[in-house]
């Protein structure tokens, strides 16, 4: 698990511009004193919490202040250090979930779950994303593990952490946990376990937000108000709406056959209701309790008009747990193998009482111990389980390879620009000596590719700035934080919640002031979007990037050796130098 998570930290690109501008850029500002600000961080709105960034600030600052030879190296190392920290957290939570699944449902579904967690493209990427939804995913992996072994206080604490420090809407995932705890231990136990820690978290979040915004602020409440009670013309829907098929397709891409296995669960319940005895009563209760968060979240978010891939991340652990248990139950029932309520040996090492001293219900675990048919059916079960794992693994590797190979050009382009062309902060290669002066600002411009910028961690110093030029995008773009001690408290001009374009967000006279231009070159591009005159363009570096619009499914989503290349269109992702603004050494 750790190997795949570390690989994701190193190889996975940034898929969502919200991750860059809402989290990496404010983190860069806190560590280095400058960075780009979006309207959500405007003191007028205060939708994002600085408390969420606090642990990552500590890690990034430690690397930034270490004795790394070049400033660029320190920035990139601090970026990957944060990602590796997320990878380690995710690994620990997932292994805890595996161990608890062994105890609750048995070794067979636990092994399937482990394969799903390790190989799924969805968890590969989400596990290292600097997003509240991904942080909540890690919390819910540990929550599910704690809940299944009766560690109720820990589970309630993790629910508070996921919903208050992470993403507030994820509190609905905890509804089954709350109902279960209240039923078993009473409302007093639930409130005494959750309220003190929740209040402490809110005090910490409020203290951070009030300090950084310069006025009493609780970002959690502001975010709920914005999304649940939006002002006319504002709200998440202005960024696009989709129907439920968006999530269906997304789950297939990120979990392939595992999403199909998860969908077996309702079918098993229908058969059970028709009188087919698939589970005993304790087994049915366990599945109803511990697998229900997945369906609650999907039902709610499929009905929300604005949809985004990251909105599903919090339920990834429950989705894969549902897939593993449902696949195992289906195969065992089909093969005539009883699902036996006998604890696995691993359960002997666990207390049969919950952490608060109350008795815990017996752990219904899966054993291939009794069969209503011959031993051949047990071999059939093993063969079908193995086939399911092989198909899942092959599709997952194909998808992950495609995402990394097809869409990672922005990472590579900015790394080339910073390390080679700008020499890790020393200044441009083969240029007049004036540009080596640390006080001379150099502008790296983007047009339509503004949303693929991997963050200022990939620019080598304060004097190298990202600038925006006019393009087909007509919405609001980020602006730099004020670079003084009150920068987070300063209200930037033109910020609004309606995604209305602000004319001052663009660089003036870009043909003169853009020293570099980063662009994806497509056949039908508007030539006027590149601000550098044709005669002044010098292409320094190119990296292939697959154009989704010009490539065919399923080849643009899955890599198929020897076949995919014929059905995908690779466009050049370019670093262009403006020879007028930045002449070569004469």
Protein backbone atom coordinates (compact mmCIF):
# COMPACT_ATOMS: atom_id res chain seq x y z
CA UNK A 1 0.00 0.00 0.00
CA UNK A 2 2.76 2.43 0.95
CA UNK A 3 4.60 1.78 -2.31
CA UNK A 4 1.59 2.74 -4.45
CA UNK A 5 0.86 5.78 -2.30
CA UNK A 6 4.45 7.05 -2.57
CA UNK A 7 4.32 6.40 -6.33
CA UNK A 8 1.13 8.48 -6.49
CA UNK A 9 2.82 11.30 -4.56
CA UNK A 10 5.65 11.42 -7.09
CA UNK A 11 3.84 10.65 -10.35
CA UNK A 12 0.28 11.91 -10.01
CA UNK A 13 -0.51 15.30 -11.51
CA UNK A 14 -2.95 17.90 -10.22
CA UNK A 15 -6.33 17.21 -11.78
CA UNK A 16 -8.35 20.06 -10.27
CA UNK A 17 -7.44 23.75 -10.34
CA UNK A 18 -9.19 24.10 -6.97
CA UNK A 19 -6.38 22.07 -5.46
CA UNK A 20 -3.80 24.47 -6.89
CA UNK A 21 -5.46 27.80 -6.20
CA UNK A 22 -7.46 27.01 -3.06
CA UNK A 23 -4.78 25.05 -1.19
CA UNK A 24 -1.31 24.89 -2.73
CA UNK A 25 -1.15 28.62 -3.46
CA UNK A 26 -2.28 29.79 0.01
CA UNK A 27 0.16 27.26 1.50
CA UNK A 28 2.93 28.71 -0.68
CA UNK A 29 1.99 32.18 0.54
CA UNK A 30 2.20 31.12 4.18
CA UNK A 31 5.60 29.48 3.67
CA UNK A 32 7.28 31.87 1.21
CA UNK A 33 5.37 35.13 1.63
CA UNK A 34 3.73 35.28 -1.80
CA UNK A 35 1.19 33.30 -3.76
CA UNK A 36 -2.07 33.54 -5.66
CA UNK A 37 -5.38 34.20 -3.92
CA UNK A 38 -8.87 33.20 -5.01
CA UNK A 39 -12.11 34.89 -3.97
CA UNK A 40 -12.86 32.20 -1.38
CA UNK A 41 -9.92 33.56 0.68
CA UNK A 42 -11.10 37.15 0.46
CA UNK A 43 -11.89 38.40 4.00
CA UNK A 44 -15.27 39.49 2.67
CA UNK A 45 -16.26 35.85 2.07
CA UNK A 46 -13.91 33.72 4.24
CA UNK A 47 -14.92 30.34 2.82
CA UNK A 48 -11.61 28.54 3.36
CA UNK A 49 -9.99 27.71 6.67
CA UNK A 50 -6.32 28.36 7.31
CA UNK A 51 -6.52 25.73 10.07
CA UNK A 52 -6.71 23.04 7.38
CA UNK A 53 -3.33 24.18 6.05
CA UNK A 54 -1.63 24.28 9.47
CA UNK A 55 -0.10 20.76 9.55
CA UNK A 56 1.06 21.05 5.95
CA UNK A 57 2.54 24.46 6.68
CA UNK A 58 4.69 22.85 9.36
CA UNK A 59 6.02 20.19 7.00
CA UNK A 60 6.60 22.57 4.10
CA UNK A 61 8.29 25.17 6.30
CA UNK A 62 10.67 22.59 7.71
CA UNK A 63 11.88 21.66 4.22
CA UNK A 64 11.93 25.28 3.03
CA UNK A 65 14.27 26.24 5.84
CA UNK A 66 16.59 23.28 5.39
CA UNK A 67 20.00 23.55 3.75
CA UNK A 68 18.98 22.66 0.18
CA UNK A 69 21.47 23.97 -2.45
CA UNK A 70 18.92 25.74 -4.67
CA UNK A 71 15.73 27.54 -3.71
CA UNK A 72 13.89 25.66 -6.46
CA UNK A 73 14.90 22.32 -5.00
CA UNK A 74 13.59 23.34 -1.57
CA UNK A 75 10.24 24.36 -3.04
CA UNK A 76 9.78 21.17 -5.00
CA UNK A 77 10.95 19.05 -2.08
CA UNK A 78 8.50 20.78 0.24
CA UNK A 79 5.71 20.12 -2.29
CA UNK A 80 6.51 16.42 -2.43
CA UNK A 81 7.08 16.23 1.33
CA UNK A 82 3.47 17.31 1.87
CA UNK A 83 2.31 14.71 -0.62
CA UNK A 84 4.35 11.96 1.01
CA UNK A 85 2.92 12.94 4.39
CA UNK A 86 -0.58 12.48 2.91
CA UNK A 87 0.53 9.15 1.41
CA UNK A 88 1.73 7.87 4.79
CA UNK A 89 -1.50 9.00 6.50
CA UNK A 90 -3.55 7.26 3.82
CA UNK A 91 -1.51 4.07 4.11
CA UNK A 92 -1.94 3.91 7.88
CA UNK A 93 -5.71 4.45 7.62
CA UNK A 94 -6.11 1.84 4.86
CA UNK A 95 -4.11 -0.82 6.72
CA UNK A 96 -6.22 -0.16 9.81
CA UNK A 97 -9.32 -0.59 7.67
CA UNK A 98 -7.99 -3.88 6.30
CA UNK A 99 -7.27 -5.21 9.79
CA UNK A 100 -10.74 -4.26 11.03
CA UNK A 101 -12.38 -5.83 7.97
CA UNK A 102 -10.65 -9.12 8.76
CA UNK A 103 -12.26 -9.03 12.18
CA UNK A 104 -15.69 -7.86 11.07
CA UNK A 105 -16.23 -9.65 7.74
CA UNK A 106 -13.40 -12.18 7.48
CA UNK A 107 -10.15 -12.67 5.62
CA UNK A 108 -11.60 -13.24 2.16
CA UNK A 109 -13.40 -9.89 1.76
CA UNK A 110 -10.53 -8.16 3.58
CA UNK A 111 -8.05 -9.43 1.01
CA UNK A 112 -10.29 -8.25 -1.80
CA UNK A 113 -10.56 -4.87 -0.09
CA UNK A 114 -6.78 -4.61 0.18
CA UNK A 115 -6.38 -5.26 -3.55
CA UNK A 116 -9.01 -2.62 -4.33
CA UNK A 117 -7.37 -0.06 -2.04
CA UNK A 118 -3.91 -0.67 -3.49
CA UNK A 119 -4.78 -0.67 -7.18
CA UNK A 120 -7.86 1.55 -7.64
CA UNK A 121 -7.09 4.60 -9.81
CA UNK A 122 -9.46 6.69 -7.69
CA UNK A 123 -7.62 6.09 -4.43
CA UNK A 124 -4.25 6.30 -6.20
CA UNK A 125 -4.84 9.95 -6.98
CA UNK A 126 -7.14 11.05 -4.15
CA UNK A 127 -4.81 9.74 -1.45
CA UNK A 128 -2.21 12.46 -2.16
CA UNK A 129 -4.42 15.39 -3.15
CA UNK A 130 -4.26 18.48 -0.93
CA UNK A 131 -8.03 18.79 -0.70
CA UNK A 132 -10.50 18.68 2.21
CA UNK A 133 -12.40 15.92 0.40
CA UNK A 134 -9.26 13.76 0.26
CA UNK A 135 -8.42 14.53 3.88
CA UNK A 136 -11.97 13.45 4.75
CA UNK A 137 -11.43 10.25 2.77
CA UNK A 138 -8.43 9.38 4.94
CA UNK A 139 -10.43 10.17 8.08
CA UNK A 140 -13.34 8.00 6.93
CA UNK A 141 -11.05 5.08 6.18
CA UNK A 142 -9.89 5.20 9.81
CA UNK A 143 -13.45 5.91 10.99
CA UNK A 144 -14.82 2.80 9.27
CA UNK A 145 -12.03 0.74 10.81
CA UNK A 146 -12.67 2.10 14.31
CA UNK A 147 -16.42 1.73 13.98
CA UNK A 148 -16.28 -1.92 12.87
CA UNK A 149 -14.28 -2.98 15.94
CA UNK A 150 -16.35 -0.99 18.42
CA UNK A 151 -13.97 1.93 18.99
CA UNK A 152 -16.88 4.34 19.03
CA UNK A 153 -15.20 7.32 20.68
CA UNK A 154 -12.39 7.25 18.14
CA UNK A 155 -14.88 6.93 15.28
CA UNK A 156 -16.90 9.91 16.54
CA UNK A 157 -13.71 11.97 16.88
CA UNK A 158 -12.73 11.12 13.32
CA UNK A 159 -16.19 12.13 12.12
CA UNK A 160 -15.71 15.52 13.78
CA UNK A 161 -12.25 15.86 12.24
CA UNK A 162 -13.47 14.94 8.75
CA UNK A 163 -16.48 17.26 8.79
CA UNK A 164 -15.10 20.26 10.68
CA UNK A 165 -11.45 20.44 9.67
CA UNK A 166 -12.08 18.70 6.35
CA UNK A 167 -15.36 19.05 4.46
CA UNK A 168 -18.49 19.97 6.47
CA UNK A 169 -21.00 18.14 4.27
CA UNK A 170 -19.38 14.79 5.05
CA UNK A 171 -21.14 14.83 8.41
CA UNK A 172 -24.04 13.04 6.66
CA UNK A 173 -21.78 10.02 6.11
CA UNK A 174 -21.77 9.70 9.90
CA UNK A 175 -25.55 9.34 10.18
CA UNK A 176 -25.42 5.50 10.36
CA UNK A 177 -22.59 5.72 12.90
CA UNK A 178 -24.60 8.13 15.03
CA UNK A 179 -27.73 5.97 14.83
CA UNK A 180 -25.74 2.84 15.71
CA UNK A 181 -23.98 4.44 18.69
CA UNK A 182 -27.17 6.02 20.03
CA UNK A 183 -29.03 2.70 19.69
CA UNK A 184 -26.31 0.77 21.52
CA UNK A 185 -25.02 3.28 24.06
CA UNK A 186 -27.58 6.06 24.23
CA UNK A 187 -27.68 9.68 23.20
CA UNK A 188 -25.71 10.79 26.26
CA UNK A 189 -22.70 8.70 25.28
CA UNK A 190 -22.78 10.00 21.71
CA UNK A 191 -23.02 13.63 22.78
CA UNK A 192 -20.35 13.31 25.47
CA UNK A 193 -18.01 11.67 22.96
CA UNK A 194 -18.62 14.17 20.16
CA UNK A 195 -19.48 17.60 21.54
CA UNK A 196 -16.33 18.36 23.59
CA UNK A 197 -13.96 17.42 20.76
CA UNK A 198 -16.17 19.12 18.17
CA UNK A 199 -16.28 22.34 20.19
CA UNK A 200 -12.51 22.24 20.66
CA UNK A 201 -12.04 21.84 16.91
CA UNK A 202 -14.39 24.73 16.19
CA UNK A 203 -12.49 26.92 18.65
CA UNK A 204 -9.19 26.08 16.95
CA UNK A 205 -10.63 26.66 13.47
CA UNK A 206 -12.26 29.91 14.57
CA UNK A 207 -9.01 31.11 16.15
CA UNK A 208 -7.03 30.43 12.97
CA UNK A 209 -9.64 32.03 10.73
CA UNK A 210 -10.11 35.07 12.95
CA UNK A 211 -6.37 35.67 13.10
CA UNK A 212 -5.73 35.31 9.37
CA UNK A 213 -8.86 37.08 8.13
CA UNK A 214 -8.44 39.87 10.68
CA UNK A 215 -12.02 39.69 11.95
CA UNK A 216 -14.27 37.11 13.67
CA UNK A 217 -14.66 34.36 11.08
CA UNK A 218 -15.71 30.71 11.07
CA UNK A 219 -15.12 29.42 7.56
CA UNK A 220 -17.15 26.25 8.16
CA UNK A 221 -20.35 28.25 8.64
CA UNK A 222 -19.53 30.57 5.74
CA UNK A 223 -19.07 27.61 3.41
CA UNK A 224 -22.36 26.02 4.43
CA UNK A 225 -24.16 29.33 4.01
CA UNK A 226 -22.69 29.84 0.52
CA UNK A 227 -23.60 26.37 -0.77
CA UNK A 228 -26.85 25.63 1.05
CA UNK A 229 -28.34 29.15 1.06
CA UNK A 230 -26.73 30.79 -1.98
CA UNK A 231 -27.22 34.38 -3.01
CA UNK A 232 -29.10 34.74 -6.30
CA UNK A 233 -26.64 34.35 -9.17
CA UNK A 234 -24.04 32.71 -6.94
CA UNK A 235 -23.60 29.21 -5.53
CA UNK A 236 -21.84 26.16 -6.91
CA UNK A 237 -24.24 25.79 -9.87
CA UNK A 238 -22.63 28.72 -11.72
CA UNK A 239 -19.64 26.43 -12.31
CA UNK A 240 -21.71 23.88 -14.23
CA UNK A 241 -24.38 21.21 -13.70
CA UNK A 242 -24.63 17.54 -14.67
CA UNK A 243 -27.04 14.66 -14.17
CA UNK A 244 -26.42 11.46 -12.19
CA UNK A 245 -24.64 9.78 -15.11
CA UNK A 246 -21.61 12.01 -14.43
CA UNK A 247 -20.94 10.11 -11.21
CA UNK A 248 -21.78 6.74 -12.75
CA UNK A 249 -19.15 7.27 -15.45
CA UNK A 250 -16.71 8.65 -12.91
CA UNK A 251 -17.02 5.57 -10.71
CA UNK A 252 -16.46 3.28 -13.68
CA UNK A 253 -13.31 5.19 -14.66
CA UNK A 254 -11.91 5.29 -11.14
CA UNK A 255 -12.94 1.84 -9.91
CA UNK A 256 -13.92 -0.11 -13.07
CA UNK A 257 -15.36 -3.50 -12.08
CA UNK A 258 -15.20 -2.69 -8.35
CA UNK A 259 -18.01 -0.17 -8.91
CA UNK A 260 -20.02 -3.00 -10.50
CA UNK A 261 -19.24 -5.27 -7.54
CA UNK A 262 -20.51 -2.56 -5.17
CA UNK A 263 -23.76 -2.39 -7.14
CA UNK A 264 -24.34 -6.09 -6.34
CA UNK A 265 -25.25 -5.10 -2.79
CA UNK A 266 -28.81 -3.87 -3.54
CA UNK A 267 -29.42 -7.03 -5.58
CA UNK A 268 -28.44 -9.22 -2.65
CA UNK A 269 -30.84 -7.31 -0.41
CA UNK A 270 -33.65 -7.84 -2.93
CA UNK A 271 -32.97 -11.60 -2.95
CA UNK A 272 -32.86 -11.62 0.85
CA UNK A 273 -36.22 -9.82 0.99
CA UNK A 274 -37.71 -12.39 -1.41
CA UNK A 275 -36.95 -15.15 1.07
CA UNK A 276 -33.58 -16.42 -0.12
CA UNK A 277 -31.48 -16.79 3.02
CA UNK A 278 -28.20 -15.23 1.94
CA UNK A 279 -27.25 -13.95 5.39
CA UNK A 280 -28.20 -14.70 8.95
CA UNK A 281 -29.77 -11.85 10.92
CA UNK A 282 -26.47 -10.65 12.50
CA UNK A 283 -24.79 -10.71 9.08
CA UNK A 284 -27.61 -8.72 7.50
CA UNK A 285 -27.48 -6.19 10.34
CA UNK A 286 -23.71 -5.76 9.92
CA UNK A 287 -24.06 -5.10 6.21
CA UNK A 288 -26.97 -2.72 6.69
CA UNK A 289 -25.03 -0.71 9.26
CA UNK A 290 -21.48 -0.60 7.96
CA UNK A 291 -22.10 -0.43 4.20
CA UNK A 292 -24.92 2.13 4.22
CA UNK A 293 -22.76 5.34 4.23
CA UNK A 294 -21.80 4.69 0.62
CA UNK A 295 -25.41 4.70 -0.57
CA UNK A 296 -26.48 7.67 1.57
CA UNK A 297 -23.72 9.83 0.08
CA UNK A 298 -24.43 8.74 -3.49
CA UNK A 299 -28.16 9.38 -3.16
CA UNK A 300 -27.58 12.87 -1.80
CA UNK A 301 -24.87 13.96 -4.22
CA UNK A 302 -26.51 12.49 -7.31
CA UNK A 303 -29.38 14.90 -6.63
CA UNK A 304 -27.10 17.96 -6.29
CA UNK A 305 -26.93 19.78 -9.68
CA UNK A 306 -23.23 20.76 -9.51
CA UNK A 307 -21.03 17.68 -9.63
CA UNK A 308 -17.30 17.18 -9.28
CA UNK A 309 -15.12 14.08 -9.14
CA UNK A 310 -13.59 15.08 -5.81
CA UNK A 311 -17.04 15.15 -4.17
CA UNK A 312 -17.05 11.34 -4.18
CA UNK A 313 -13.64 10.94 -2.54
CA UNK A 314 -14.92 10.82 1.07
CA UNK A 315 -16.84 7.59 0.43
CA UNK A 316 -14.09 5.76 -1.47
CA UNK A 317 -13.26 3.57 1.58
CA UNK A 318 -16.93 2.64 2.09
CA UNK A 319 -17.41 2.09 -1.64
CA UNK A 320 -14.50 -0.35 -1.82
CA UNK A 321 -15.57 -2.07 1.40
CA UNK A 322 -19.03 -2.51 -0.10
CA UNK A 323 -17.51 -3.87 -3.32
CA UNK A 324 -15.31 -6.37 -1.49
CA UNK A 325 -18.04 -7.67 0.82
CA UNK A 326 -20.69 -7.81 -1.92
CA UNK A 327 -18.42 -9.63 -4.37
CA UNK A 328 -17.42 -12.15 -1.73
CA UNK A 329 -21.02 -12.73 -0.64
CA UNK A 330 -22.24 -13.12 -4.22
CA UNK A 331 -19.57 -15.64 -5.17
CA UNK A 332 -19.98 -17.65 -1.98
CA UNK A 333 -23.74 -17.78 -2.34
CA UNK A 334 -23.47 -18.76 -6.02
CA UNK A 335 -21.01 -21.52 -5.15
CA UNK A 336 -23.10 -22.83 -2.28
CA UNK A 337 -20.59 -21.81 0.37
CA UNK A 338 -22.11 -20.81 3.68
CA UNK A 339 -21.28 -17.38 5.07
CA UNK A 340 -20.48 -18.56 8.57
CA UNK A 341 -20.70 -16.41 11.69
CA UNK A 342 -17.47 -17.73 13.17
CA UNK A 343 -14.80 -15.29 14.28
CA UNK A 344 -11.48 -15.51 12.51
CA UNK A 345 -8.41 -16.20 14.67
CA UNK A 346 -7.51 -12.51 14.34
CA UNK A 347 -10.61 -11.66 16.34
CA UNK A 348 -9.18 -13.35 19.40
CA UNK A 349 -6.66 -10.56 19.76
CA UNK A 350 -9.44 -7.98 19.86
CA UNK A 351 -11.70 -7.25 22.74
CA UNK A 352 -15.31 -8.34 22.33
CA UNK A 353 -16.28 -5.18 24.16
CA UNK A 354 -16.28 -1.70 22.78
CA UNK A 355 -13.84 0.87 24.05
CA UNK A 356 -16.42 2.36 26.40
CA UNK A 357 -17.05 -0.91 28.18
CA UNK A 358 -20.34 -1.88 26.54
CA UNK A 359 -20.78 -5.27 24.93
CA UNK A 360 -20.11 -5.39 21.22
CA UNK A 361 -22.18 -7.51 18.84
CA UNK A 362 -20.40 -10.67 17.63
CA UNK A 363 -18.23 -10.17 14.61
CA UNK A 364 -19.83 -11.96 11.64
CA UNK A 365 -16.89 -13.09 9.56
CA UNK A 366 -16.64 -15.02 6.34
CA UNK A 367 -15.19 -18.52 6.36
CA UNK A 368 -15.04 -20.98 3.51
CA UNK A 369 -15.76 -23.63 6.09
CA UNK A 370 -18.99 -25.31 5.04
CA UNK A 371 -20.26 -25.97 1.56
CA UNK A 372 -23.64 -27.21 0.47
CA UNK A 373 -21.98 -28.58 -2.64
CA UNK A 374 -18.82 -30.48 -3.52
CA UNK A 375 -15.26 -29.23 -3.08
CA UNK A 376 -15.25 -28.32 -6.78
CA UNK A 377 -17.43 -25.34 -5.97
CA UNK A 378 -14.88 -24.08 -3.50
CA UNK A 379 -12.29 -24.20 -6.25
CA UNK A 380 -14.75 -22.37 -8.50
CA UNK A 381 -15.10 -19.66 -5.84
CA UNK A 382 -11.32 -19.25 -5.66
CA UNK A 383 -11.02 -19.16 -9.45
CA UNK A 384 -13.76 -16.54 -9.84
CA UNK A 385 -12.30 -14.40 -7.06
CA UNK A 386 -8.90 -14.58 -8.72
CA UNK A 387 -10.40 -13.69 -12.11
CA UNK A 388 -12.18 -10.68 -10.61
CA UNK A 389 -8.93 -9.47 -9.05
CA UNK A 390 -7.01 -9.94 -12.31
CA UNK A 391 -9.60 -8.02 -14.35
CA UNK A 392 -9.74 -5.25 -11.76
CA UNK A 393 -5.95 -5.04 -11.56
CA UNK A 394 -5.47 -4.95 -15.33
CA UNK A 395 -8.07 -2.22 -15.85
CA UNK A 396 -6.71 -0.22 -12.91
CA UNK A 397 -3.13 -0.33 -14.17
CA UNK A 398 -4.33 0.62 -17.64
CA UNK A 399 -6.28 3.61 -16.29
CA UNK A 400 -3.53 4.82 -13.94
CA UNK A 401 -0.88 4.55 -16.64
CA UNK A 402 -3.08 6.50 -19.05
CA UNK A 403 -3.68 9.33 -16.56
CA UNK A 404 0.02 9.64 -15.71
CA UNK A 405 1.30 9.32 -19.29
CA UNK A 406 -1.39 11.30 -21.10
CA UNK A 407 -1.96 14.26 -18.80
CA UNK A 408 1.21 14.93 -16.80
CA UNK A 409 2.75 17.44 -19.23
CA UNK A 410 2.11 20.55 -17.06
CA UNK A 411 4.24 19.08 -14.26
CA UNK A 412 7.09 18.28 -16.61
CA UNK A 413 6.90 21.60 -18.46
CA UNK A 414 7.11 23.71 -15.31
CA UNK A 415 9.88 21.55 -13.90
CA UNK A 416 11.89 22.06 -17.08
CA UNK A 417 11.25 25.80 -17.06
CA UNK A 418 12.28 26.22 -13.44
CA UNK A 419 15.21 23.86 -13.18
CA UNK A 420 16.79 24.18 -16.62
CA UNK A 421 15.72 27.42 -18.30
CA UNK A 422 15.63 29.50 -15.12
CA UNK A 423 18.48 27.50 -13.57
CA UNK A 424 16.79 26.92 -10.26
CA UNK A 425 16.32 30.64 -9.63
CA UNK A 426 19.62 32.00 -10.96
CA UNK A 427 17.91 33.51 -14.00
CA UNK A 428 17.38 32.71 -17.68
CA UNK A 429 20.00 30.89 -19.69
CA UNK A 430 21.70 32.75 -22.55
CA UNK A 431 20.24 36.14 -21.71
CA UNK A 432 21.57 39.61 -21.12
CA UNK A 433 23.14 40.07 -17.69
CA UNK A 434 20.42 42.48 -16.59
CA UNK A 435 17.96 39.56 -16.35
CA UNK A 436 20.22 37.77 -13.89
CA UNK A 437 19.57 40.60 -11.42
CA UNK A 438 17.48 39.30 -8.53
CA UNK A 439 15.36 42.47 -8.59
CA UNK A 440 14.21 42.07 -12.20
CA UNK A 441 10.79 40.42 -12.36
CA UNK A 442 10.16 37.77 -15.01
CA UNK A 443 6.62 36.89 -16.06
CA UNK A 444 5.54 33.36 -16.93
CA UNK A 445 2.23 33.78 -18.77
CA UNK A 446 -0.67 31.41 -19.32
CA UNK A 447 -3.86 31.86 -21.31
CA UNK A 448 -6.35 29.05 -21.70
CA UNK A 449 -4.03 26.75 -19.71
CA UNK A 450 -4.40 28.79 -16.51
CA UNK A 451 -6.21 25.94 -14.74
CA UNK A 452 -3.38 23.43 -15.23
CA UNK A 453 -0.74 25.46 -13.40
CA UNK A 454 0.75 23.08 -10.78
CA UNK A 455 1.38 25.90 -8.24
CA UNK A 456 4.12 28.39 -7.41
CA UNK A 457 6.11 25.57 -5.81
CA UNK A 458 7.23 24.91 -9.40
CA UNK A 459 8.56 28.42 -10.00
CA UNK A 460 12.06 28.99 -8.62
CA UNK A 461 11.74 32.26 -6.71
CA UNK A 462 9.83 35.40 -5.78
CA UNK A 463 10.73 37.30 -8.95
CA UNK A 464 9.25 34.64 -11.23
CA UNK A 465 5.52 35.33 -11.40
CA UNK A 466 2.58 33.64 -13.06
CA UNK A 467 0.55 36.10 -15.15
CA UNK A 468 -2.72 35.67 -17.00
CA UNK A 469 -3.48 36.73 -20.56
CA UNK A 470 -6.86 36.92 -22.28
CA UNK A 471 -8.24 33.65 -23.65
CA UNK A 472 -11.52 31.84 -24.18
CA UNK A 473 -11.96 31.81 -20.39
CA UNK A 474 -14.05 34.77 -19.26
CA UNK A 475 -14.48 34.12 -15.54
CA UNK A 476 -12.73 35.41 -12.44
CA UNK A 477 -9.05 34.51 -12.07
CA UNK A 478 -6.78 34.51 -8.99
CA UNK A 479 -4.71 37.51 -7.92
CA UNK A 480 -1.61 37.69 -5.75
CA UNK A 481 -1.98 38.07 -2.00
CA UNK A 482 -0.79 41.42 -0.68
CA UNK A 483 2.84 40.80 0.27
CA UNK A 484 2.96 42.29 3.73
CA UNK A 485 2.22 41.17 7.27
CA UNK A 486 -1.51 41.77 6.74
CA UNK A 487 -1.69 40.05 3.36
CA UNK A 488 -4.38 37.55 4.31
CA UNK A 489 -6.47 40.37 5.81
CA UNK A 490 -6.33 42.61 2.75
CA UNK A 491 -9.37 42.70 0.48
CA UNK A 492 -8.24 42.26 -3.16
CA UNK A 493 -9.95 44.40 -5.77
CA UNK A 494 -12.46 42.78 -8.08
CA UNK A 495 -13.11 39.63 -6.03
CA UNK A 496 -16.71 38.40 -6.28
CA UNK A 497 -18.75 35.25 -5.75
CA UNK A 498 -20.42 35.43 -9.16
CA UNK A 499 -17.38 34.34 -11.22
CA UNK A 500 -17.44 37.70 -13.02
CA UNK A 501 -14.33 38.64 -14.94
CA UNK A 502 -12.18 41.44 -13.52
CA UNK A 503 -10.26 43.37 -16.23
CA UNK A 504 -7.33 43.97 -13.87
CA UNK A 505 -6.61 40.23 -13.64
CA UNK A 506 -4.84 40.30 -17.00
CA UNK A 507 -1.28 41.41 -17.70
CA UNK A 508 -1.12 44.64 -19.69
CA UNK A 509 0.77 44.62 -23.01
CA UNK A 510 1.59 40.91 -22.76
CA UNK A 511 3.51 40.97 -26.05
CA UNK A 512 6.08 43.15 -24.27
CA UNK A 513 5.87 41.85 -20.71
CA UNK A 514 5.41 38.09 -21.10
CA UNK A 515 8.89 36.62 -20.92
CA UNK A 516 7.59 33.06 -21.24
CA UNK A 517 4.30 31.64 -22.41
CA UNK A 518 3.03 28.17 -21.49
CA UNK A 519 0.46 26.74 -23.88
CA UNK A 520 -1.13 23.62 -25.28
CA UNK A 521 -0.98 23.94 -29.06
CA UNK A 522 -4.12 22.67 -30.79
CA UNK A 523 -5.02 22.85 -34.50
CA UNK A 524 -8.05 25.12 -34.05
CA UNK A 525 -6.49 27.53 -31.55
CA UNK A 526 -7.18 31.22 -31.94
CA UNK A 527 -3.77 32.61 -32.98
CA UNK A 528 -4.49 35.83 -31.08
CA UNK A 529 -4.48 33.98 -27.76
CA UNK A 530 -0.71 33.64 -27.89
CA UNK A 531 0.50 37.14 -26.97
CA UNK A 532 4.01 36.61 -28.31
CA UNK A 533 4.40 37.64 -31.98
CA UNK A 534 5.28 34.72 -34.24
CA UNK A 535 8.67 36.18 -35.15
CA UNK A 536 9.62 36.49 -31.47
CA UNK A 537 8.72 32.96 -30.40
CA UNK A 538 11.39 30.48 -29.41
CA UNK A 539 10.14 27.02 -28.41
CA UNK A 540 12.34 25.80 -25.57
CA UNK A 541 10.62 22.59 -24.57
CA UNK A 542 7.67 20.47 -25.58
CA UNK A 543 5.88 17.62 -23.89
CA UNK A 544 3.05 15.57 -25.34
CA UNK A 545 -0.41 16.01 -23.86
CA UNK A 546 -3.45 14.01 -24.97
CA UNK A 547 -6.36 16.13 -26.20
CA UNK A 548 -9.54 14.62 -24.78
CA UNK A 549 -11.74 16.28 -27.41
CA UNK A 550 -9.74 14.78 -30.28
CA UNK A 551 -9.29 11.29 -28.85
CA UNK A 552 -11.71 8.40 -28.81
CA UNK A 553 -13.08 6.40 -25.93
CA UNK A 554 -12.07 4.09 -24.32
CA UNK A 555 -8.54 4.73 -25.56
CA UNK A 556 -8.23 8.20 -24.04
CA UNK A 557 -9.24 6.80 -20.64
CA UNK A 558 -7.40 3.47 -20.67
CA UNK A 559 -4.00 2.64 -22.09
CA UNK A 560 -4.14 -0.40 -24.38
CA UNK A 561 -0.68 -1.41 -25.65
CA UNK A 562 -0.16 -1.24 -29.42
CA UNK A 563 -3.74 -0.01 -29.95
CA UNK A 564 -4.30 3.24 -28.04
CA UNK A 565 -1.87 5.35 -30.06
CA UNK A 566 -4.00 5.00 -33.18
CA UNK A 567 -7.04 6.54 -31.44
CA UNK A 568 -5.58 9.34 -29.33
CA UNK A 569 -4.33 12.77 -30.35
CA UNK A 570 -1.15 14.00 -28.71
CA UNK A 571 -0.73 17.77 -28.81
CA UNK A 572 2.47 19.63 -27.86
CA UNK A 573 2.53 21.35 -24.47
CA UNK A 574 5.05 24.15 -24.97
CA UNK A 575 7.41 26.46 -23.14
CA UNK A 576 7.79 29.49 -25.42
CA UNK A 577 10.35 32.23 -24.83
CA UNK A 578 9.62 35.79 -25.93
CA UNK A 579 12.79 36.94 -27.68
CA UNK A 580 11.58 40.53 -27.76
CA UNK A 581 11.07 40.74 -24.00
CA UNK A 582 13.94 38.39 -23.19
CA UNK A 583 16.63 38.55 -25.91
CA UNK A 584 19.37 35.98 -26.20
CA UNK A 585 22.92 36.98 -25.33
CA UNK A 586 24.40 38.81 -28.31
